[in-house]
Amino acid sequence: MTFQNEQTPQRPVPPAATLEEARAAYVGPRYPLFAESFRLFDSAGGFRPTFTWPPLLFGLFWFIYRKMYIEGAVLFSLGLLLVNLNADDSPRSQTFVSSFSFGLSFVLALTGHWLYWKAVDRHLEKAMLRFPRSPDKALKWLETKGGVDPWSVMIAMAFFVFLLFWAVL
């Protein structure tokens, strides 16, 4: 079952709730910051480059904060790979790692909202499957599953500090 209207063709949402309501329930009070980008992606039927500062400046931590744990795990894995590539301390590997890190940060800034749009819609689909005839329950579930997770960011930062100390010893 999909929700259809003139602005957002064929996007999943719990029945009897609008797409905006469902997304706003998942994203939380800062939904207006994402709404324009989400409408752009809906009308385009997918990716369009948009620029957003938080993924550029905070990278992995922004993804964790926004409860995008899969994307955060991929970024963490890339980070570990880069650390291993830079282990030989050769100027060539340092140049590659620096260039790749800068390029990745820029790509995250251009794709951050799009990746979040996809993550939000994954959760909308889950809500639709869980509560096919109960939009109120679906919206409540989206509110509890969505939003932000500052505690996970603090745990991730503590983990990185631990890794730093472990690497130095």
N, C-alpha and C. Protein backbone atom coordinates (compact mmCIF):
# COMPACT_ATOMS: atom_id res chain seq x y z
N MET A 1 0.85 -1.17 0.00
CA MET A 1 0.00 0.00 0.00
C MET A 1 0.90 1.24 0.00
N THR A 2 0.64 2.17 -0.85
CA THR A 2 1.43 3.39 -0.92
C THR A 2 0.53 4.60 -0.87
N PHE A 3 1.12 5.67 -0.42
CA PHE A 3 0.42 6.94 -0.35
C PHE A 3 0.74 7.70 -1.62
N GLN A 4 -0.24 8.31 -2.22
CA GLN A 4 0.01 9.06 -3.44
C GLN A 4 -0.63 10.43 -3.33
N ASN A 5 0.12 11.41 -3.77
CA ASN A 5 -0.44 12.74 -3.99
C ASN A 5 0.33 13.39 -5.11
N GLU A 6 -0.04 14.58 -5.47
CA GLU A 6 0.59 15.21 -6.63
C GLU A 6 2.05 15.56 -6.40
N GLN A 7 2.47 15.79 -5.17
CA GLN A 7 3.86 16.16 -4.90
C GLN A 7 4.76 14.95 -4.68
N THR A 8 4.22 13.90 -4.13
CA THR A 8 5.06 12.77 -3.73
C THR A 8 4.48 11.46 -4.26
N PRO A 9 4.71 11.16 -5.52
CA PRO A 9 4.14 9.95 -6.08
C PRO A 9 4.76 8.69 -5.50
N GLN A 10 3.89 7.73 -5.13
CA GLN A 10 4.30 6.39 -4.78
C GLN A 10 5.31 6.30 -3.63
N ARG A 11 5.18 7.10 -2.58
CA ARG A 11 6.05 7.00 -1.41
C ARG A 11 5.30 6.25 -0.31
N PRO A 12 5.97 5.34 0.41
CA PRO A 12 5.29 4.56 1.44
C PRO A 12 4.99 5.39 2.68
N VAL A 13 3.83 5.19 3.28
CA VAL A 13 3.51 5.80 4.56
C VAL A 13 2.36 5.03 5.18
N PRO A 14 2.27 5.08 6.49
CA PRO A 14 1.15 4.40 7.14
C PRO A 14 -0.18 4.93 6.62
N PRO A 15 -1.19 4.08 6.47
CA PRO A 15 -2.48 4.52 5.95
C PRO A 15 -3.10 5.61 6.82
N ALA A 16 -3.80 6.51 6.18
CA ALA A 16 -4.55 7.60 6.82
C ALA A 16 -3.66 8.69 7.40
N ALA A 17 -2.38 8.55 7.32
CA ALA A 17 -1.47 9.62 7.73
C ALA A 17 -0.86 10.18 6.46
N THR A 18 -0.58 11.46 6.46
CA THR A 18 0.07 12.02 5.27
C THR A 18 1.55 11.70 5.33
N LEU A 19 2.18 11.79 4.20
CA LEU A 19 3.62 11.56 4.13
C LEU A 19 4.36 12.56 5.01
N GLU A 20 3.94 13.81 4.98
CA GLU A 20 4.58 14.84 5.82
C GLU A 20 4.43 14.51 7.30
N GLU A 21 3.25 14.08 7.72
CA GLU A 21 3.03 13.72 9.12
C GLU A 21 3.93 12.57 9.55
N ALA A 22 3.99 11.57 8.71
CA ALA A 22 4.80 10.39 9.03
C ALA A 22 6.27 10.75 9.11
N ARG A 23 6.75 11.50 8.15
CA ARG A 23 8.16 11.90 8.19
C ARG A 23 8.45 12.81 9.37
N ALA A 24 7.55 13.75 9.62
CA ALA A 24 7.74 14.67 10.76
C ALA A 24 7.75 13.90 12.07
N ALA A 25 6.92 12.86 12.17
CA ALA A 25 6.90 12.04 13.38
C ALA A 25 8.24 11.34 13.57
N TYR A 26 8.83 10.85 12.49
CA TYR A 26 10.11 10.16 12.62
C TYR A 26 11.27 11.13 12.86
N VAL A 27 11.33 12.20 12.09
CA VAL A 27 12.47 13.12 12.19
C VAL A 27 12.43 13.90 13.51
N GLY A 28 11.26 14.31 13.93
CA GLY A 28 11.13 15.07 15.16
C GLY A 28 10.97 16.55 14.90
N PRO A 29 11.20 17.37 15.93
CA PRO A 29 10.91 18.81 15.82
C PRO A 29 11.76 19.56 14.79
N ARG A 30 12.84 18.99 14.34
CA ARG A 30 13.69 19.67 13.35
C ARG A 30 13.33 19.28 11.91
N TYR A 31 12.17 18.66 11.74
CA TYR A 31 11.75 18.24 10.41
C TYR A 31 11.75 19.38 9.40
N PRO A 32 11.34 20.60 9.75
CA PRO A 32 11.35 21.67 8.75
C PRO A 32 12.72 21.88 8.08
N LEU A 33 13.80 21.54 8.77
CA LEU A 33 15.13 21.66 8.16
C LEU A 33 15.33 20.67 7.01
N PHE A 34 14.60 19.58 7.03
CA PHE A 34 14.75 18.53 6.03
C PHE A 34 13.63 18.53 4.99
N ALA A 35 12.52 19.16 5.30
CA ALA A 35 11.31 19.06 4.47
C ALA A 35 11.55 19.47 3.02
N GLU A 36 12.25 20.57 2.80
CA GLU A 36 12.48 21.04 1.43
C GLU A 36 13.31 20.03 0.63
N SER A 37 14.36 19.51 1.25
CA SER A 37 15.19 18.51 0.57
C SER A 37 14.38 17.25 0.28
N PHE A 38 13.57 16.82 1.24
CA PHE A 38 12.76 15.62 1.04
C PHE A 38 11.79 15.81 -0.12
N ARG A 39 11.17 16.99 -0.20
CA ARG A 39 10.25 17.26 -1.31
C ARG A 39 11.01 17.26 -2.64
N LEU A 40 12.23 17.77 -2.65
CA LEU A 40 13.06 17.77 -3.86
C LEU A 40 13.33 16.33 -4.30
N PHE A 41 13.70 15.46 -3.37
CA PHE A 41 13.98 14.07 -3.70
C PHE A 41 12.72 13.36 -4.18
N ASP A 42 11.59 13.66 -3.53
CA ASP A 42 10.32 13.06 -3.95
C ASP A 42 9.97 13.45 -5.38
N SER A 43 10.08 14.73 -5.69
CA SER A 43 9.70 15.19 -7.03
C SER A 43 10.68 14.68 -8.09
N ALA A 44 11.94 14.51 -7.71
CA ALA A 44 12.94 14.00 -8.65
C ALA A 44 12.90 12.47 -8.75
N GLY A 45 12.26 11.85 -7.79
CA GLY A 45 12.22 10.39 -7.78
C GLY A 45 13.51 9.77 -7.27
N GLY A 46 14.34 10.54 -6.61
CA GLY A 46 15.59 10.02 -6.08
C GLY A 46 16.59 11.12 -5.79
N PHE A 47 17.84 10.80 -5.98
CA PHE A 47 18.93 11.70 -5.57
C PHE A 47 18.99 12.98 -6.39
N ARG A 48 19.21 14.05 -5.69
CA ARG A 48 19.60 15.35 -6.24
C ARG A 48 20.61 15.91 -5.25
N PRO A 49 21.71 16.45 -5.72
CA PRO A 49 22.71 16.95 -4.76
C PRO A 49 22.16 18.14 -3.97
N THR A 50 22.32 18.06 -2.67
CA THR A 50 22.00 19.16 -1.77
C THR A 50 23.19 19.28 -0.83
N PHE A 51 23.46 20.45 -0.36
CA PHE A 51 24.62 20.63 0.51
C PHE A 51 24.14 20.86 1.94
N THR A 52 24.74 20.15 2.86
CA THR A 52 24.43 20.33 4.27
C THR A 52 25.72 20.24 5.08
N TRP A 53 25.88 21.17 6.01
CA TRP A 53 27.12 21.26 6.77
C TRP A 53 27.37 20.14 7.78
N PRO A 54 26.38 19.69 8.53
CA PRO A 54 26.69 18.72 9.60
C PRO A 54 27.44 17.47 9.16
N PRO A 55 27.07 16.81 8.05
CA PRO A 55 27.87 15.64 7.67
C PRO A 55 29.30 16.01 7.26
N LEU A 56 29.47 17.20 6.71
CA LEU A 56 30.81 17.65 6.34
C LEU A 56 31.67 17.85 7.58
N LEU A 57 31.10 18.48 8.60
CA LEU A 57 31.88 18.81 9.79
C LEU A 57 31.97 17.66 10.80
N PHE A 58 30.90 16.87 10.91
CA PHE A 58 30.86 15.86 11.96
C PHE A 58 30.87 14.42 11.44
N GLY A 59 30.66 14.23 10.15
CA GLY A 59 30.75 12.92 9.52
C GLY A 59 30.02 11.82 10.24
N LEU A 60 30.77 10.84 10.68
CA LEU A 60 30.25 9.66 11.37
C LEU A 60 29.31 10.04 12.51
N PHE A 61 29.68 11.04 13.29
CA PHE A 61 28.88 11.41 14.46
C PHE A 61 27.51 11.96 14.07
N TRP A 62 27.42 12.65 12.94
CA TRP A 62 26.12 13.14 12.48
C TRP A 62 25.20 11.97 12.14
N PHE A 63 25.76 10.96 11.47
CA PHE A 63 24.97 9.78 11.11
C PHE A 63 24.48 9.05 12.36
N ILE A 64 25.34 8.92 13.34
CA ILE A 64 24.93 8.27 14.59
C ILE A 64 23.87 9.11 15.30
N TYR A 65 24.07 10.42 15.34
CA TYR A 65 23.11 11.34 15.98
C TYR A 65 21.73 11.22 15.34
N ARG A 66 21.70 11.04 14.03
CA ARG A 66 20.43 10.94 13.30
C ARG A 66 19.91 9.50 13.24
N LYS A 67 20.49 8.61 14.02
CA LYS A 67 20.10 7.19 14.10
C LYS A 67 20.24 6.47 12.76
N MET A 68 21.27 6.81 12.03
CA MET A 68 21.59 6.14 10.77
C MET A 68 22.77 5.21 11.05
N TYR A 69 22.50 4.17 11.80
CA TYR A 69 23.56 3.32 12.30
C TYR A 69 24.24 2.50 11.21
N ILE A 70 23.51 2.09 10.21
CA ILE A 70 24.11 1.32 9.10
C ILE A 70 25.13 2.20 8.38
N GLU A 71 24.71 3.41 8.04
CA GLU A 71 25.62 4.33 7.36
C GLU A 71 26.82 4.67 8.25
N GLY A 72 26.56 4.82 9.54
CA GLY A 72 27.66 5.09 10.49
C GLY A 72 28.65 3.94 10.55
N ALA A 73 28.15 2.71 10.52
CA ALA A 73 29.04 1.54 10.54
C ALA A 73 29.89 1.49 9.27
N VAL A 74 29.30 1.84 8.13
CA VAL A 74 30.07 1.87 6.88
C VAL A 74 31.17 2.92 6.97
N LEU A 75 30.83 4.10 7.49
CA LEU A 75 31.84 5.16 7.63
C LEU A 75 32.93 4.76 8.62
N PHE A 76 32.55 4.11 9.71
CA PHE A 76 33.54 3.65 10.67
C PHE A 76 34.50 2.65 10.02
N SER A 77 33.95 1.74 9.23
CA SER A 77 34.78 0.76 8.53
C SER A 77 35.73 1.43 7.55
N LEU A 78 35.22 2.43 6.83
CA LEU A 78 36.10 3.18 5.92
C LEU A 78 37.21 3.88 6.69
N GLY A 79 36.87 4.41 7.86
CA GLY A 79 37.87 5.06 8.70
C GLY A 79 38.96 4.10 9.14
N LEU A 80 38.56 2.89 9.54
CA LEU A 80 39.55 1.88 9.92
C LEU A 80 40.44 1.51 8.74
N LEU A 81 39.84 1.41 7.58
CA LEU A 81 40.62 1.11 6.38
C LEU A 81 41.64 2.23 6.11
N LEU A 82 41.20 3.47 6.24
CA LEU A 82 42.12 4.60 6.02
C LEU A 82 43.25 4.62 7.03
N VAL A 83 42.95 4.29 8.27
CA VAL A 83 44.00 4.25 9.30
C VAL A 83 45.03 3.18 8.93
N ASN A 84 44.57 2.04 8.46
CA ASN A 84 45.50 0.97 8.07
C ASN A 84 46.30 1.36 6.83
N LEU A 85 45.69 2.06 5.89
CA LEU A 85 46.43 2.50 4.71
C LEU A 85 47.50 3.53 5.06
N ASN A 86 47.23 4.31 6.09
CA ASN A 86 48.16 5.36 6.50
C ASN A 86 49.22 4.85 7.47
N ALA A 87 49.18 3.57 7.82
CA ALA A 87 50.07 3.02 8.84
C ALA A 87 51.54 3.06 8.44
N ASP A 88 51.84 3.02 7.14
CA ASP A 88 53.25 2.99 6.74
C ASP A 88 53.91 4.37 6.75
N ASP A 89 53.16 5.42 6.97
CA ASP A 89 53.66 6.80 7.08
C ASP A 89 54.41 7.29 5.85
N SER A 90 54.19 6.68 4.71
CA SER A 90 54.84 7.18 3.51
C SER A 90 54.10 8.43 3.03
N PRO A 91 54.80 9.37 2.41
CA PRO A 91 54.14 10.58 1.92
C PRO A 91 53.02 10.27 0.92
N ARG A 92 53.23 9.23 0.13
CA ARG A 92 52.22 8.86 -0.87
C ARG A 92 50.91 8.40 -0.20
N SER A 93 51.02 7.55 0.83
CA SER A 93 49.82 7.07 1.50
C SER A 93 49.16 8.20 2.29
N GLN A 94 49.96 9.09 2.87
CA GLN A 94 49.38 10.23 3.60
C GLN A 94 48.62 11.15 2.65
N THR A 95 49.16 11.38 1.48
CA THR A 95 48.47 12.21 0.48
C THR A 95 47.17 11.55 0.05
N PHE A 96 47.22 10.24 -0.20
CA PHE A 96 46.01 9.52 -0.61
C PHE A 96 44.95 9.58 0.48
N VAL A 97 45.34 9.28 1.71
CA VAL A 97 44.38 9.25 2.81
C VAL A 97 43.79 10.64 3.04
N SER A 98 44.60 11.67 2.99
CA SER A 98 44.10 13.04 3.17
C SER A 98 43.14 13.42 2.06
N SER A 99 43.51 13.11 0.83
CA SER A 99 42.64 13.43 -0.32
C SER A 99 41.33 12.65 -0.26
N PHE A 100 41.44 11.37 0.06
CA PHE A 100 40.24 10.54 0.15
C PHE A 100 39.33 11.02 1.27
N SER A 101 39.90 11.37 2.43
CA SER A 101 39.11 11.86 3.56
C SER A 101 38.39 13.15 3.22
N PHE A 102 39.10 14.08 2.58
CA PHE A 102 38.47 15.34 2.17
C PHE A 102 37.36 15.08 1.16
N GLY A 103 37.63 14.23 0.17
CA GLY A 103 36.63 13.91 -0.84
C GLY A 103 35.40 13.24 -0.23
N LEU A 104 35.63 12.31 0.69
CA LEU A 104 34.52 11.63 1.34
C LEU A 104 33.68 12.62 2.15
N SER A 105 34.32 13.53 2.85
CA SER A 105 33.59 14.54 3.62
C SER A 105 32.72 15.39 2.70
N PHE A 106 33.25 15.76 1.56
CA PHE A 106 32.49 16.56 0.61
C PHE A 106 31.31 15.77 0.04
N VAL A 107 31.54 14.50 -0.27
CA VAL A 107 30.46 13.64 -0.77
C VAL A 107 29.37 13.50 0.30
N LEU A 108 29.76 13.34 1.56
CA LEU A 108 28.77 13.24 2.64
C LEU A 108 27.96 14.53 2.76
N ALA A 109 28.60 15.67 2.55
CA ALA A 109 27.88 16.94 2.60
C ALA A 109 26.86 17.04 1.47
N LEU A 110 27.19 16.48 0.32
CA LEU A 110 26.27 16.53 -0.83
C LEU A 110 25.17 15.47 -0.77
N THR A 111 25.41 14.38 -0.04
CA THR A 111 24.45 13.28 -0.02
C THR A 111 23.78 13.08 1.34
N GLY A 112 24.16 13.83 2.35
CA GLY A 112 23.65 13.62 3.71
C GLY A 112 22.14 13.63 3.81
N HIS A 113 21.50 14.64 3.26
CA HIS A 113 20.04 14.71 3.33
C HIS A 113 19.39 13.57 2.54
N TRP A 114 19.98 13.22 1.41
CA TRP A 114 19.44 12.13 0.60
C TRP A 114 19.53 10.80 1.35
N LEU A 115 20.68 10.55 1.97
CA LEU A 115 20.84 9.32 2.75
C LEU A 115 19.85 9.28 3.91
N TYR A 116 19.62 10.45 4.52
CA TYR A 116 18.65 10.52 5.61
C TYR A 116 17.23 10.29 5.09
N TRP A 117 16.92 10.84 3.93
CA TRP A 117 15.61 10.64 3.29
C TRP A 117 15.36 9.14 3.09
N LYS A 118 16.38 8.44 2.60
CA LYS A 118 16.24 7.00 2.38
C LYS A 118 16.06 6.26 3.70
N ALA A 119 16.80 6.64 4.73
CA ALA A 119 16.68 6.00 6.04
C ALA A 119 15.29 6.25 6.64
N VAL A 120 14.79 7.47 6.51
CA VAL A 120 13.46 7.79 7.03
C VAL A 120 12.42 6.94 6.31
N ASP A 121 12.51 6.86 4.99
CA ASP A 121 11.52 6.08 4.24
C ASP A 121 11.61 4.58 4.53
N ARG A 122 12.80 4.09 4.87
CA ARG A 122 12.91 2.68 5.30
C ARG A 122 12.07 2.46 6.56
N HIS A 123 12.13 3.42 7.48
CA HIS A 123 11.35 3.30 8.71
C HIS A 123 9.85 3.48 8.45
N LEU A 124 9.50 4.32 7.48
CA LEU A 124 8.09 4.46 7.13
C LEU A 124 7.54 3.13 6.60
N GLU A 125 8.34 2.46 5.80
CA GLU A 125 7.92 1.16 5.27
C GLU A 125 7.73 0.14 6.40
N LYS A 126 8.65 0.16 7.37
CA LYS A 126 8.52 -0.75 8.51
C LYS A 126 7.24 -0.45 9.29
N ALA A 127 6.96 0.83 9.49
CA ALA A 127 5.75 1.22 10.23
C ALA A 127 4.51 0.78 9.47
N MET A 128 4.54 0.92 8.16
CA MET A 128 3.40 0.53 7.34
C MET A 128 3.15 -0.98 7.44
N LEU A 129 4.23 -1.77 7.47
CA LEU A 129 4.08 -3.22 7.59
C LEU A 129 3.63 -3.64 8.98
N ARG A 130 4.12 -2.94 10.00
CA ARG A 130 3.76 -3.28 11.38
C ARG A 130 2.34 -2.89 11.74
N PHE A 131 1.91 -1.74 11.24
CA PHE A 131 0.61 -1.19 11.62
C PHE A 131 -0.18 -0.80 10.38
N PRO A 132 -0.57 -1.78 9.56
CA PRO A 132 -1.22 -1.45 8.28
C PRO A 132 -2.56 -0.74 8.42
N ARG A 133 -3.25 -0.94 9.55
CA ARG A 133 -4.57 -0.32 9.72
C ARG A 133 -4.65 0.56 10.96
N SER A 134 -3.50 0.92 11.52
CA SER A 134 -3.48 1.73 12.74
C SER A 134 -2.52 2.90 12.59
N PRO A 135 -2.94 3.95 11.90
CA PRO A 135 -2.03 5.07 11.68
C PRO A 135 -1.56 5.75 12.96
N ASP A 136 -2.42 5.79 13.97
CA ASP A 136 -2.00 6.41 15.24
C ASP A 136 -0.87 5.63 15.89
N LYS A 137 -0.99 4.31 15.87
CA LYS A 137 0.09 3.47 16.41
C LYS A 137 1.35 3.61 15.57
N ALA A 138 1.18 3.69 14.26
CA ALA A 138 2.34 3.83 13.38
C ALA A 138 3.06 5.14 13.65
N LEU A 139 2.31 6.23 13.79
CA LEU A 139 2.94 7.52 14.08
C LEU A 139 3.65 7.51 15.43
N LYS A 140 3.03 6.88 16.42
CA LYS A 140 3.66 6.78 17.74
C LYS A 140 4.95 5.96 17.65
N TRP A 141 4.90 4.86 16.90
CA TRP A 141 6.09 4.02 16.73
C TRP A 141 7.20 4.82 16.03
N LEU A 142 6.83 5.58 15.00
CA LEU A 142 7.81 6.40 14.28
C LEU A 142 8.44 7.44 15.21
N GLU A 143 7.63 8.02 16.08
CA GLU A 143 8.17 9.00 17.04
C GLU A 143 9.19 8.37 17.98
N THR A 144 8.91 7.14 18.42
CA THR A 144 9.85 6.50 19.35
C THR A 144 11.09 5.97 18.65
N LYS A 145 10.96 5.53 17.41
CA LYS A 145 12.11 4.99 16.67
C LYS A 145 12.97 6.09 16.06
N GLY A 146 12.39 7.24 15.82
CA GLY A 146 13.10 8.31 15.12
C GLY A 146 13.72 9.32 16.06
N GLY A 147 13.86 10.52 15.54
CA GLY A 147 14.47 11.60 16.31
C GLY A 147 15.98 11.52 16.26
N VAL A 148 16.58 11.91 17.35
CA VAL A 148 18.04 11.93 17.41
C VAL A 148 18.50 11.11 18.62
N ASP A 149 19.78 10.79 18.63
CA ASP A 149 20.34 9.95 19.68
C ASP A 149 21.66 10.54 20.19
N PRO A 150 21.59 11.56 21.05
CA PRO A 150 22.83 12.15 21.55
C PRO A 150 23.66 11.20 22.41
N TRP A 151 23.02 10.26 23.09
CA TRP A 151 23.77 9.32 23.93
C TRP A 151 24.67 8.42 23.10
N SER A 152 24.21 7.99 21.96
CA SER A 152 25.05 7.16 21.09
C SER A 152 26.26 7.94 20.59
N VAL A 153 26.08 9.22 20.35
CA VAL A 153 27.22 10.04 19.92
C VAL A 153 28.25 10.11 21.04
N MET A 154 27.79 10.30 22.27
CA MET A 154 28.73 10.36 23.40
C MET A 154 29.46 9.03 23.57
N ILE A 155 28.73 7.94 23.42
CA ILE A 155 29.36 6.62 23.52
C ILE A 155 30.38 6.43 22.40
N ALA A 156 30.02 6.85 21.19
CA ALA A 156 30.96 6.74 20.06
C ALA A 156 32.20 7.58 20.30
N MET A 157 32.02 8.78 20.82
CA MET A 157 33.19 9.64 21.11
C MET A 157 34.07 9.01 22.18
N ALA A 158 33.46 8.45 23.22
CA ALA A 158 34.23 7.77 24.26
C ALA A 158 34.99 6.58 23.67
N PHE A 159 34.34 5.85 22.77
CA PHE A 159 34.99 4.72 22.11
C PHE A 159 36.19 5.19 21.29
N PHE A 160 36.05 6.32 20.58
CA PHE A 160 37.16 6.85 19.80
C PHE A 160 38.31 7.29 20.69
N VAL A 161 38.00 7.90 21.83
CA VAL A 161 39.05 8.29 22.77
C VAL A 161 39.77 7.04 23.28
N PHE A 162 39.00 6.00 23.60
CA PHE A 162 39.59 4.73 24.02
C PHE A 162 40.52 4.18 22.94
N LEU A 163 40.06 4.18 21.68
CA LEU A 163 40.88 3.68 20.57
C LEU A 163 42.16 4.50 20.43
N LEU A 164 42.04 5.81 20.61
CA LEU A 164 43.21 6.69 20.51
C LEU A 164 44.24 6.32 21.58
N PHE A 165 43.79 6.17 22.84
CA PHE A 165 44.71 5.82 23.90
C PHE A 165 45.30 4.42 23.67
N TRP A 166 44.49 3.52 23.19
CA TRP A 166 44.96 2.17 22.93
C TRP A 166 46.02 2.17 21.83
N ALA A 167 45.81 2.99 20.80
CA ALA A 167 46.77 3.06 19.69
C ALA A 167 48.09 3.67 20.15
N VAL A 168 48.04 4.61 21.07
CA VAL A 168 49.26 5.28 21.53
C VAL A 168 50.08 4.34 22.42
N LEU A 169 49.40 3.51 23.19
CA LEU A 169 50.12 2.60 24.09
C LEU A 169 50.69 1.48 23.35
